[in-house]
């Protein structure tokens, strides 16, 4: 009985460790002006229904909790091209440039 309890407890701790989220941050900027873009939408998984979005603040900065099994985020803003960013093993994404018509990569 005691050994079954220990095994169950170990499995519980292991599963909780797998379900942890990681905090990812970055700053979204404009391709021409290099100024921050406030209100850009950050989406963890575009395929999931009822996915709650986060938005950049006035300085273009965002922090978002991402499940450890997610490997990319989507960033979009009106009149700019959507961009997918790989987040595997990254916490600080630095500056992320959004492009629109007239900008060159």
PDB file of N, CA and C in Angstrom:
ATOM      1  N   UNK A   1       0.812  -1.202   0.000  1.00  0.00           N
ATOM      2  CA  UNK A   1       0.000   0.000   0.000  1.00  0.00           C
ATOM      3  C   UNK A   1       0.855   1.266   0.000  1.00  0.00           C
ATOM      4  N   UNK A   2       1.865   1.284   0.862  1.00  0.00           N
ATOM      5  CA  UNK A   2       2.732   2.464   0.946  1.00  0.00           C
ATOM      6  C   UNK A   2       3.522   2.652  -0.341  1.00  0.00           C
ATOM      7  N   UNK A   3       3.950   1.548  -0.953  1.00  0.00           N
ATOM      8  CA  UNK A   3       4.722   1.678  -2.198  1.00  0.00           C
ATOM      9  C   UNK A   3       3.834   2.184  -3.329  1.00  0.00           C
ATOM     10  N   UNK A   4       2.558   1.783  -3.364  1.00  0.00           N
ATOM     11  CA  UNK A   4       1.627   2.295  -4.371  1.00  0.00           C
ATOM     12  C   UNK A   4       1.406   3.787  -4.202  1.00  0.00           C
ATOM     13  N   UNK A   5       1.336   4.219  -2.962  1.00  0.00           N
ATOM     14  CA  UNK A   5       1.169   5.644  -2.669  1.00  0.00           C
ATOM     15  C   UNK A   5       2.390   6.434  -3.123  1.00  0.00           C
ATOM     16  N   UNK A   6       3.573   5.903  -2.892  1.00  0.00           N
ATOM     17  CA  UNK A   6       4.806   6.570  -3.315  1.00  0.00           C
ATOM     18  C   UNK A   6       4.874   6.662  -4.835  1.00  0.00           C
ATOM     19  N   UNK A   7       4.506   5.591  -5.506  1.00  0.00           N
ATOM     20  CA  UNK A   7       4.522   5.585  -6.978  1.00  0.00           C
ATOM     21  C   UNK A   7       3.511   6.602  -7.510  1.00  0.00           C
ATOM     22  N   UNK A   8       2.312   6.632  -6.943  1.00  0.00           N
ATOM     23  CA  UNK A   8       1.294   7.597  -7.371  1.00  0.00           C
ATOM     24  C   UNK A   8       1.771   9.025  -7.156  1.00  0.00           C
ATOM     25  N   UNK A   9       2.387   9.286  -6.020  1.00  0.00           N
ATOM     26  CA  UNK A   9       2.911  10.618  -5.723  1.00  0.00           C
ATOM     27  C   UNK A   9       4.000  11.006  -6.719  1.00  0.00           C
ATOM     28  N   UNK A  10       4.902  10.088  -7.050  1.00  0.00           N
ATOM     29  CA  UNK A  10       5.964  10.344  -8.015  1.00  0.00           C
ATOM     30  C   UNK A  10       5.383  10.657  -9.390  1.00  0.00           C
ATOM     31  N   UNK A  11       4.391   9.889  -9.815  1.00  0.00           N
ATOM     32  CA  UNK A  11       3.748  10.135 -11.113  1.00  0.00           C
ATOM     33  C   UNK A  11       3.079  11.502 -11.114  1.00  0.00           C
ATOM     34  N   UNK A  12       2.430  11.880 -10.024  1.00  0.00           N
ATOM     35  CA  UNK A  12       1.794  13.185  -9.918  1.00  0.00           C
ATOM     36  C   UNK A  12       2.823  14.303 -10.058  1.00  0.00           C
ATOM     37  N   UNK A  13       3.920  14.221  -9.333  1.00  0.00           N
ATOM     38  CA  UNK A  13       4.962  15.255  -9.412  1.00  0.00           C
ATOM     39  C   UNK A  13       5.562  15.328 -10.806  1.00  0.00           C
ATOM     40  N   UNK A  14       5.771  14.196 -11.424  1.00  0.00           N
ATOM     41  CA  UNK A  14       6.330  14.161 -12.777  1.00  0.00           C
ATOM     42  C   UNK A  14       5.381  14.825 -13.771  1.00  0.00           C
ATOM     43  N   UNK A  15       4.081  14.531 -13.672  1.00  0.00           N
ATOM     44  CA  UNK A  15       3.113  15.115 -14.605  1.00  0.00           C
ATOM     45  C   UNK A  15       2.960  16.612 -14.382  1.00  0.00           C
ATOM     46  N   UNK A  16       3.018  17.070 -13.151  1.00  0.00           N
ATOM     47  CA  UNK A  16       2.948  18.506 -12.876  1.00  0.00           C
ATOM     48  C   UNK A  16       4.160  19.207 -13.476  1.00  0.00           C
ATOM     49  N   UNK A  17       5.316  18.608 -13.401  1.00  0.00           N
ATOM     50  CA  UNK A  17       6.526  19.188 -13.975  1.00  0.00           C
ATOM     51  C   UNK A  17       6.448  19.311 -15.479  1.00  0.00           C
ATOM     52  N   UNK A  18       5.764  18.385 -16.124  1.00  0.00           N
ATOM     53  CA  UNK A  18       5.634  18.436 -17.579  1.00  0.00           C
ATOM     54  C   UNK A  18       4.657  19.505 -18.043  1.00  0.00           C
ATOM     55  N   UNK A  19       3.713  19.863 -17.196  1.00  0.00           N
ATOM     56  CA  UNK A  19       2.674  20.804 -17.585  1.00  0.00           C
ATOM     57  C   UNK A  19       3.020  22.253 -17.272  1.00  0.00           C
ATOM     58  N   UNK A  20       4.214  22.514 -16.820  1.00  0.00           N
ATOM     59  CA  UNK A  20       4.584  23.879 -16.476  1.00  0.00           C
ATOM     60  C   UNK A  20       4.682  24.748 -17.727  1.00  0.00           C
ATOM     61  N   UNK A  21       4.428  26.007 -17.528  1.00  0.00           N
ATOM     62  CA  UNK A  21       4.544  26.987 -18.605  1.00  0.00           C
ATOM     63  C   UNK A  21       5.873  27.705 -18.498  1.00  0.00           C
ATOM     64  N   UNK A  22       6.296  28.291 -19.605  1.00  0.00           N
ATOM     65  CA  UNK A  22       7.489  29.133 -19.569  1.00  0.00           C
ATOM     66  C   UNK A  22       7.075  30.547 -19.947  1.00  0.00           C
ATOM     67  N   UNK A  23       7.763  31.513 -19.388  1.00  0.00           N
ATOM     68  CA  UNK A  23       7.488  32.915 -19.656  1.00  0.00           C
ATOM     69  C   UNK A  23       8.385  33.378 -20.795  1.00  0.00           C
ATOM     70  N   UNK A  24       7.766  33.908 -21.845  1.00  0.00           N
ATOM     71  CA  UNK A  24       8.486  34.387 -23.021  1.00  0.00           C
ATOM     72  C   UNK A  24       8.215  35.877 -23.148  1.00  0.00           C
ATOM     73  N   UNK A  25       9.245  36.662 -23.516  1.00  0.00           N
ATOM     74  CA  UNK A  25       9.050  38.102 -23.673  1.00  0.00           C
ATOM     75  C   UNK A  25       9.792  38.611 -24.896  1.00  0.00           C
ATOM     76  N   UNK A  26       9.437  39.810 -25.301  1.00  0.00           N
ATOM     77  CA  UNK A  26      10.086  40.448 -26.444  1.00  0.00           C
ATOM     78  C   UNK A  26       9.481  41.818 -26.689  1.00  0.00           C
ATOM     79  N   UNK A  27      10.006  42.494 -27.694  1.00  0.00           N
ATOM     80  CA  UNK A  27       9.516  43.814 -28.077  1.00  0.00           C
ATOM     81  C   UNK A  27       9.252  43.813 -29.575  1.00  0.00           C
ATOM     82  N   UNK A  28       8.069  44.273 -29.976  1.00  0.00           N
ATOM     83  CA  UNK A  28       7.680  44.309 -31.385  1.00  0.00           C
ATOM     84  C   UNK A  28       7.913  45.721 -31.907  1.00  0.00           C
ATOM     85  N   UNK A  29       8.661  45.807 -33.028  1.00  0.00           N
ATOM     86  CA  UNK A  29       8.990  47.123 -33.594  1.00  0.00           C
ATOM     87  C   UNK A  29       8.616  47.193 -35.077  1.00  0.00           C
ATOM     88  N   UNK A  30       8.519  48.423 -35.575  1.00  0.00           N
ATOM     89  CA  UNK A  30       8.201  48.706 -36.977  1.00  0.00           C
ATOM     90  C   UNK A  30       9.452  48.581 -37.839  1.00  0.00           C
ATOM     91  N   UNK A  31       9.273  48.086 -39.075  1.00  0.00           N
ATOM     92  CA  UNK A  31      10.404  47.842 -39.970  1.00  0.00           C
ATOM     93  C   UNK A  31      11.090  49.126 -40.455  1.00  0.00           C
ATOM     94  N   UNK A  32      10.353  50.197 -40.637  1.00  0.00           N
ATOM     95  CA  UNK A  32      10.953  51.437 -41.148  1.00  0.00           C
ATOM     96  C   UNK A  32      11.498  52.326 -40.045  1.00  0.00           C
ATOM     97  N   UNK A  33      10.684  52.525 -39.029  1.00  0.00           N
ATOM     98  CA  UNK A  33      11.028  53.513 -38.006  1.00  0.00           C
ATOM     99  C   UNK A  33      11.783  52.923 -36.815  1.00  0.00           C
ATOM    100  N   UNK A  34      11.742  51.614 -36.679  1.00  0.00           N
ATOM    101  CA  UNK A  34      12.310  50.924 -35.508  1.00  0.00           C
ATOM    102  C   UNK A  34      11.656  51.373 -34.199  1.00  0.00           C
ATOM    103  N   UNK A  35      10.454  51.933 -34.300  1.00  0.00           N
ATOM    104  CA  UNK A  35       9.698  52.331 -33.117  1.00  0.00           C
ATOM    105  C   UNK A  35       8.828  51.167 -32.656  1.00  0.00           C
ATOM    106  N   UNK A  36       8.503  51.118 -31.360  1.00  0.00           N
ATOM    107  CA  UNK A  36       7.658  50.032 -30.858  1.00  0.00           C
ATOM    108  C   UNK A  36       6.253  50.086 -31.437  1.00  0.00           C
ATOM    109  N   UNK A  37       5.632  48.915 -31.540  1.00  0.00           N
ATOM    110  CA  UNK A  37       4.256  48.819 -32.022  1.00  0.00           C
ATOM    111  C   UNK A  37       3.361  48.412 -30.851  1.00  0.00           C
ATOM    112  N   UNK A  38       2.625  49.383 -30.279  1.00  0.00           N
ATOM    113  CA  UNK A  38       1.705  49.031 -29.191  1.00  0.00           C
ATOM    114  C   UNK A  38       0.456  48.359 -29.753  1.00  0.00           C
ATOM    115  N   UNK A  39      -0.049  47.357 -29.040  1.00  0.00           N
ATOM    116  CA  UNK A  39      -1.293  46.702 -29.445  1.00  0.00           C
ATOM    117  C   UNK A  39      -1.129  45.568 -30.438  1.00  0.00           C
ATOM    118  N   UNK A  40       0.103  45.147 -30.726  1.00  0.00           N
ATOM    119  CA  UNK A  40       0.294  43.985 -31.597  1.00  0.00           C
ATOM    120  C   UNK A  40      -0.198  42.747 -30.856  1.00  0.00           C
ATOM    121  N   UNK A  41      -0.851  41.851 -31.584  1.00  0.00           N
ATOM    122  CA  UNK A  41      -1.452  40.673 -30.971  1.00  0.00           C
ATOM    123  C   UNK A  41      -0.477  39.500 -30.960  1.00  0.00           C
ATOM    124  N   UNK A  42      -0.356  38.858 -29.800  1.00  0.00           N
ATOM    125  CA  UNK A  42       0.515  37.703 -29.627  1.00  0.00           C
ATOM    126  C   UNK A  42      -0.388  36.490 -29.391  1.00  0.00           C
ATOM    127  N   UNK A  43      -0.261  35.467 -30.239  1.00  0.00           N
ATOM    128  CA  UNK A  43      -1.099  34.282 -30.158  1.00  0.00           C
ATOM    129  C   UNK A  43      -0.189  33.068 -29.987  1.00  0.00           C
ATOM    130  N   UNK A  44      -0.525  32.217 -29.022  1.00  0.00           N
ATOM    131  CA  UNK A  44       0.301  31.034 -28.762  1.00  0.00           C
ATOM    132  C   UNK A  44       0.072  29.960 -29.809  1.00  0.00           C
ATOM    133  N   UNK A  45      -1.180  29.587 -30.037  1.00  0.00           N
ATOM    134  CA  UNK A  45      -1.482  28.514 -30.976  1.00  0.00           C
ATOM    135  C   UNK A  45      -2.685  28.917 -31.806  1.00  0.00           C
ATOM    136  N   UNK A  46      -2.460  29.218 -33.066  1.00  0.00           N
ATOM    137  CA  UNK A  46      -3.521  29.711 -33.934  1.00  0.00           C
ATOM    138  C   UNK A  46      -4.623  28.671 -34.156  1.00  0.00           C
ATOM    139  N   UNK A  47      -4.289  27.392 -34.053  1.00  0.00           N
ATOM    140  CA  UNK A  47      -5.253  26.330 -34.342  1.00  0.00           C
ATOM    141  C   UNK A  47      -6.252  26.103 -33.218  1.00  0.00           C
ATOM    142  N   UNK A  48      -5.879  26.414 -31.988  1.00  0.00           N
ATOM    143  CA  UNK A  48      -6.768  26.181 -30.855  1.00  0.00           C
ATOM    144  C   UNK A  48      -7.902  27.192 -30.831  1.00  0.00           C
ATOM    145  N   UNK A  49      -9.111  26.685 -30.625  1.00  0.00           N
ATOM    146  CA  UNK A  49     -10.250  27.577 -30.447  1.00  0.00           C
ATOM    147  C   UNK A  49     -10.200  28.165 -29.045  1.00  0.00           C
ATOM    148  N   UNK A  50     -10.783  29.308 -28.883  1.00  0.00           N
ATOM    149  CA  UNK A  50     -10.828  29.993 -27.582  1.00  0.00           C
ATOM    150  C   UNK A  50      -9.439  30.315 -27.047  1.00  0.00           C
ATOM    151  N   UNK A  51      -8.493  30.483 -27.923  1.00  0.00           N
ATOM    152  CA  UNK A  51      -7.138  30.830 -27.509  1.00  0.00           C
ATOM    153  C   UNK A  51      -7.118  32.304 -27.104  1.00  0.00           C
ATOM    154  N   UNK A  52      -6.704  32.566 -25.894  1.00  0.00           N
ATOM    155  CA  UNK A  52      -6.638  33.940 -25.405  1.00  0.00           C
ATOM    156  C   UNK A  52      -5.387  34.621 -25.942  1.00  0.00           C
ATOM    157  N   UNK A  53      -5.556  35.777 -26.512  1.00  0.00           N
ATOM    158  CA  UNK A  53      -4.436  36.540 -27.054  1.00  0.00           C
ATOM    159  C   UNK A  53      -3.897  37.491 -26.000  1.00  0.00           C
ATOM    160  N   UNK A  54      -2.663  37.880 -26.188  1.00  0.00           N
ATOM    161  CA  UNK A  54      -2.042  38.943 -25.395  1.00  0.00           C
ATOM    162  C   UNK A  54      -1.673  40.044 -26.373  1.00  0.00           C
ATOM    163  N   UNK A  55      -1.490  41.239 -25.852  1.00  0.00           N
ATOM    164  CA  UNK A  55      -1.149  42.383 -26.695  1.00  0.00           C
ATOM    165  C   UNK A  55       0.074  43.096 -26.140  1.00  0.00           C
ATOM    166  N   UNK A  56       0.841  43.695 -27.030  1.00  0.00           N
ATOM    167  CA  UNK A  56       2.006  44.454 -26.591  1.00  0.00           C
ATOM    168  C   UNK A  56       1.534  45.721 -25.882  1.00  0.00           C
ATOM    169  N   UNK A  57       2.363  46.203 -24.948  1.00  0.00           N
ATOM    170  CA  UNK A  57       2.014  47.424 -24.225  1.00  0.00           C
ATOM    171  C   UNK A  57       2.426  48.654 -25.048  1.00  0.00           C
ATOM    172  N   UNK A  58       2.367  49.816 -24.445  1.00  0.00           N
ATOM    173  CA  UNK A  58       2.683  51.068 -25.139  1.00  0.00           C
ATOM    174  C   UNK A  58       4.101  51.078 -25.708  1.00  0.00           C
ATOM    175  N   UNK A  59       5.010  50.370 -25.056  1.00  0.00           N
ATOM    176  CA  UNK A  59       6.405  50.306 -25.505  1.00  0.00           C
ATOM    177  C   UNK A  59       6.670  49.136 -26.448  1.00  0.00           C
ATOM    178  N   UNK A  60       5.610  48.453 -26.904  1.00  0.00           N
ATOM    179  CA  UNK A  60       5.768  47.312 -27.802  1.00  0.00           C
ATOM    180  C   UNK A  60       6.223  46.045 -27.108  1.00  0.00           C
ATOM    181  N   UNK A  61       6.267  46.064 -25.791  1.00  0.00           N
ATOM    182  CA  UNK A  61       6.780  44.937 -25.002  1.00  0.00           C
ATOM    183  C   UNK A  61       5.653  43.970 -24.648  1.00  0.00           C
ATOM    184  N   UNK A  62       5.980  42.686 -24.604  1.00  0.00           N
ATOM    185  CA  UNK A  62       5.017  41.689 -24.162  1.00  0.00           C
ATOM    186  C   UNK A  62       5.700  40.620 -23.321  1.00  0.00           C
ATOM    187  N   UNK A  63       4.926  40.030 -22.441  1.00  0.00           N
ATOM    188  CA  UNK A  63       5.295  38.838 -21.687  1.00  0.00           C
ATOM    189  C   UNK A  63       4.109  37.905 -21.783  1.00  0.00           C
ATOM    190  N   UNK A  64       4.373  36.647 -22.107  1.00  0.00           N
ATOM    191  CA  UNK A  64       3.294  35.692 -22.258  1.00  0.00           C
ATOM    192  C   UNK A  64       3.733  34.337 -21.731  1.00  0.00           C
ATOM    193  N   UNK A  65       2.826  33.675 -21.016  1.00  0.00           N
ATOM    194  CA  UNK A  65       3.105  32.322 -20.542  1.00  0.00           C
ATOM    195  C   UNK A  65       2.744  31.358 -21.654  1.00  0.00           C
ATOM    196  N   UNK A  66       3.695  30.509 -21.994  1.00  0.00           N
ATOM    197  CA  UNK A  66       3.531  29.573 -23.100  1.00  0.00           C
ATOM    198  C   UNK A  66       3.700  28.156 -22.557  1.00  0.00           C
ATOM    199  N   UNK A  67       2.786  27.242 -22.903  1.00  0.00           N
ATOM    200  CA  UNK A  67       2.980  25.856 -22.484  1.00  0.00           C
ATOM    201  C   UNK A  67       4.306  25.311 -23.018  1.00  0.00           C
ATOM    202  N   UNK A  68       4.940  24.456 -22.251  1.00  0.00           N
ATOM    203  CA  UNK A  68       6.249  23.933 -22.648  1.00  0.00           C
ATOM    204  C   UNK A  68       6.176  23.123 -23.937  1.00  0.00           C
ATOM    205  N   UNK A  69       4.992  22.623 -24.298  1.00  0.00           N
ATOM    206  CA  UNK A  69       4.891  21.850 -25.531  1.00  0.00           C
ATOM    207  C   UNK A  69       4.689  22.729 -26.769  1.00  0.00           C
ATOM    208  N   UNK A  70       4.506  24.034 -26.594  1.00  0.00           N
ATOM    209  CA  UNK A  70       4.379  24.951 -27.738  1.00  0.00           C
ATOM    210  C   UNK A  70       5.764  25.373 -28.196  1.00  0.00           C
ATOM    211  N   UNK A  71       5.946  25.418 -29.519  1.00  0.00           N
ATOM    212  CA  UNK A  71       7.266  25.768 -30.035  1.00  0.00           C
ATOM    213  C   UNK A  71       7.285  27.050 -30.858  1.00  0.00           C
ATOM    214  N   UNK A  72       6.125  27.714 -31.006  1.00  0.00           N
ATOM    215  CA  UNK A  72       6.131  28.989 -31.702  1.00  0.00           C
ATOM    216  C   UNK A  72       4.939  29.850 -31.302  1.00  0.00           C
ATOM    217  N   UNK A  73       5.094  31.147 -31.553  1.00  0.00           N
ATOM    218  CA  UNK A  73       4.003  32.095 -31.344  1.00  0.00           C
ATOM    219  C   UNK A  73       3.770  32.826 -32.658  1.00  0.00           C
ATOM    220  N   UNK A  74       2.592  33.408 -32.779  1.00  0.00           N
ATOM    221  CA  UNK A  74       2.221  34.181 -33.952  1.00  0.00           C
ATOM    222  C   UNK A  74       2.037  35.623 -33.511  1.00  0.00           C
ATOM    223  N   UNK A  75       2.596  36.554 -34.263  1.00  0.00           N
ATOM    224  CA  UNK A  75       2.435  37.977 -33.957  1.00  0.00           C
ATOM    225  C   UNK A  75       1.792  38.639 -35.161  1.00  0.00           C
ATOM    226  N   UNK A  76       0.720  39.402 -34.885  1.00  0.00           N
ATOM    227  CA  UNK A  76       0.064  40.093 -35.994  1.00  0.00           C
ATOM    228  C   UNK A  76      -0.429  41.468 -35.569  1.00  0.00           C
ATOM    229  N   UNK A  77      -0.539  42.327 -36.578  1.00  0.00           N
ATOM    230  CA  UNK A  77      -0.986  43.697 -36.378  1.00  0.00           C
ATOM    231  C   UNK A  77      -1.558  44.162 -37.719  1.00  0.00           C
ATOM    232  N   UNK A  78      -2.647  44.940 -37.719  1.00  0.00           N
ATOM    233  CA  UNK A  78      -3.248  45.364 -38.986  1.00  0.00           C
ATOM    234  C   UNK A  78      -2.243  46.043 -39.922  1.00  0.00           C
ATOM    235  N   UNK A  79      -2.326  45.693 -41.194  1.00  0.00           N
ATOM    236  CA  UNK A  79      -1.506  46.224 -42.293  1.00  0.00           C
ATOM    237  C   UNK A  79      -0.062  45.734 -42.264  1.00  0.00           C
ATOM    238  N   UNK A  80       0.275  44.817 -41.354  1.00  0.00           N
ATOM    239  CA  UNK A  80       1.601  44.207 -41.296  1.00  0.00           C
ATOM    240  C   UNK A  80       1.455  42.722 -41.606  1.00  0.00           C
ATOM    241  N   UNK A  81       2.522  42.122 -42.073  1.00  0.00           N
ATOM    242  CA  UNK A  81       2.519  40.685 -42.330  1.00  0.00           C
ATOM    243  C   UNK A  81       2.607  39.928 -41.011  1.00  0.00           C
ATOM    244  N   UNK A  82       1.801  38.854 -40.899  1.00  0.00           N
ATOM    245  CA  UNK A  82       1.897  37.994 -39.720  1.00  0.00           C
ATOM    246  C   UNK A  82       3.281  37.364 -39.686  1.00  0.00           C
ATOM    247  N   UNK A  83       3.776  37.127 -38.493  1.00  0.00           N
ATOM    248  CA  UNK A  83       5.088  36.508 -38.358  1.00  0.00           C
ATOM    249  C   UNK A  83       5.015  35.406 -37.306  1.00  0.00           C
ATOM    250  N   UNK A  84       5.613  34.266 -37.635  1.00  0.00           N
ATOM    251  CA  UNK A  84       5.715  33.163 -36.686  1.00  0.00           C
ATOM    252  C   UNK A  84       7.126  33.164 -36.127  1.00  0.00           C
ATOM    253  N   UNK A  85       7.224  33.067 -34.818  1.00  0.00           N
ATOM    254  CA  UNK A  85       8.512  33.084 -34.141  1.00  0.00           C
ATOM    255  C   UNK A  85       8.702  31.762 -33.408  1.00  0.00           C
ATOM    256  N   UNK A  86       9.834  31.123 -33.637  1.00  0.00           N
ATOM    257  CA  UNK A  86      10.175  29.906 -32.917  1.00  0.00           C
ATOM    258  C   UNK A  86      10.611  30.276 -31.509  1.00  0.00           C
ATOM    259  N   UNK A  87      10.054  29.590 -30.516  1.00  0.00           N
ATOM    260  CA  UNK A  87      10.368  29.917 -29.121  1.00  0.00           C
ATOM    261  C   UNK A  87      11.011  28.755 -28.389  1.00  0.00           C
ATOM    262  N   UNK A  88      11.396  27.727 -29.107  1.00  0.00           N
ATOM    263  CA  UNK A  88      11.979  26.569 -28.428  1.00  0.00           C
ATOM    264  C   UNK A  88      13.267  26.969 -27.712  1.00  0.00           C
ATOM    265  N   UNK A  89      13.294  26.725 -26.413  1.00  0.00           N
ATOM    266  CA  UNK A  89      14.446  27.014 -25.545  1.00  0.00           C
ATOM    267  C   UNK A  89      14.811  28.492 -25.474  1.00  0.00           C
ATOM    268  N   UNK A  90      13.886  29.384 -25.813  1.00  0.00           N
ATOM    269  CA  UNK A  90      14.147  30.823 -25.713  1.00  0.00           C
ATOM    270  C   UNK A  90      13.181  31.431 -24.717  1.00  0.00           C
ATOM    271  N   UNK A  91      13.661  32.385 -23.959  1.00  0.00           N
ATOM    272  CA  UNK A  91      12.795  33.130 -23.041  1.00  0.00           C
ATOM    273  C   UNK A  91      12.723  34.592 -23.443  1.00  0.00           C
ATOM    274  N   UNK A  92      13.858  35.160 -23.848  1.00  0.00           N
ATOM    275  CA  UNK A  92      13.902  36.549 -24.286  1.00  0.00           C
ATOM    276  C   UNK A  92      14.076  36.549 -25.795  1.00  0.00           C
ATOM    277  N   UNK A  93      13.054  36.997 -26.507  1.00  0.00           N
ATOM    278  CA  UNK A  93      13.087  37.007 -27.970  1.00  0.00           C
ATOM    279  C   UNK A  93      13.719  38.272 -28.531  1.00  0.00           C
ATOM    280  N   UNK A  94      13.987  39.248 -27.668  1.00  0.00           N
ATOM    281  CA  UNK A  94      14.606  40.496 -28.120  1.00  0.00           C
ATOM    282  C   UNK A  94      13.636  41.320 -28.952  1.00  0.00           C
ATOM    283  N   UNK A  95      14.175  42.023 -29.942  1.00  0.00           N
ATOM    284  CA  UNK A  95      13.341  42.843 -30.822  1.00  0.00           C
ATOM    285  C   UNK A  95      12.837  42.005 -31.984  1.00  0.00           C
ATOM    286  N   UNK A  96      11.549  42.096 -32.230  1.00  0.00           N
ATOM    287  CA  UNK A  96      10.906  41.379 -33.322  1.00  0.00           C
ATOM    288  C   UNK A  96      10.365  42.424 -34.277  1.00  0.00           C
ATOM    289  N   UNK A  97      10.820  42.401 -35.517  1.00  0.00           N
ATOM    290  CA  UNK A  97      10.441  43.402 -36.500  1.00  0.00           C
ATOM    291  C   UNK A  97       9.255  42.917 -37.314  1.00  0.00           C
ATOM    292  N   UNK A  98       8.200  43.738 -37.391  1.00  0.00           N
ATOM    293  CA  UNK A  98       7.067  43.452 -38.262  1.00  0.00           C
ATOM    294  C   UNK A  98       7.242  44.252 -39.543  1.00  0.00           C
ATOM    295  N   UNK A  99       6.896  43.603 -40.657  1.00  0.00           N
ATOM    296  CA  UNK A  99       7.074  44.214 -41.977  1.00  0.00           C
ATOM    297  C   UNK A  99       5.730  44.520 -42.612  1.00  0.00           C
ATOM    298  N   UNK A 100       5.705  45.632 -43.337  1.00  0.00           N
ATOM    299  CA  UNK A 100       4.523  46.018 -44.110  1.00  0.00           C
ATOM    300  C   UNK A 100       4.990  46.464 -45.490  1.00  0.00           C
ATOM    301  N   UNK A 101       4.069  46.883 -46.307  1.00  0.00           N
ATOM    302  CA  UNK A 101       4.388  47.330 -47.653  1.00  0.00           C
ATOM    303  C   UNK A 101       5.406  48.459 -47.612  1.00  0.00           C
ATOM    304  N   UNK A 102       6.432  48.361 -48.440  1.00  0.00           N
ATOM    305  CA  UNK A 102       7.457  49.400 -48.497  1.00  0.00           C
ATOM    306  C   UNK A 102       8.679  49.101 -47.664  1.00  0.00           C
ATOM    307  N   UNK A 103       8.627  48.056 -46.863  1.00  0.00           N
ATOM    308  CA  UNK A 103       9.780  47.656 -46.049  1.00  0.00           C
ATOM    309  C   UNK A 103      10.501  46.512 -46.738  1.00  0.00           C
ATOM    310  N   UNK A 104      11.797  46.515 -46.600  1.00  0.00           N
ATOM    311  CA  UNK A 104      12.599  45.417 -47.138  1.00  0.00           C
ATOM    312  C   UNK A 104      13.175  44.624 -45.982  1.00  0.00           C
ATOM    313  N   UNK A 105      13.223  43.307 -46.154  1.00  0.00           N
ATOM    314  CA  UNK A 105      13.803  42.453 -45.122  1.00  0.00           C
ATOM    315  C   UNK A 105      15.305  42.466 -45.221  1.00  0.00           C
TER     316      UNK A 105
END
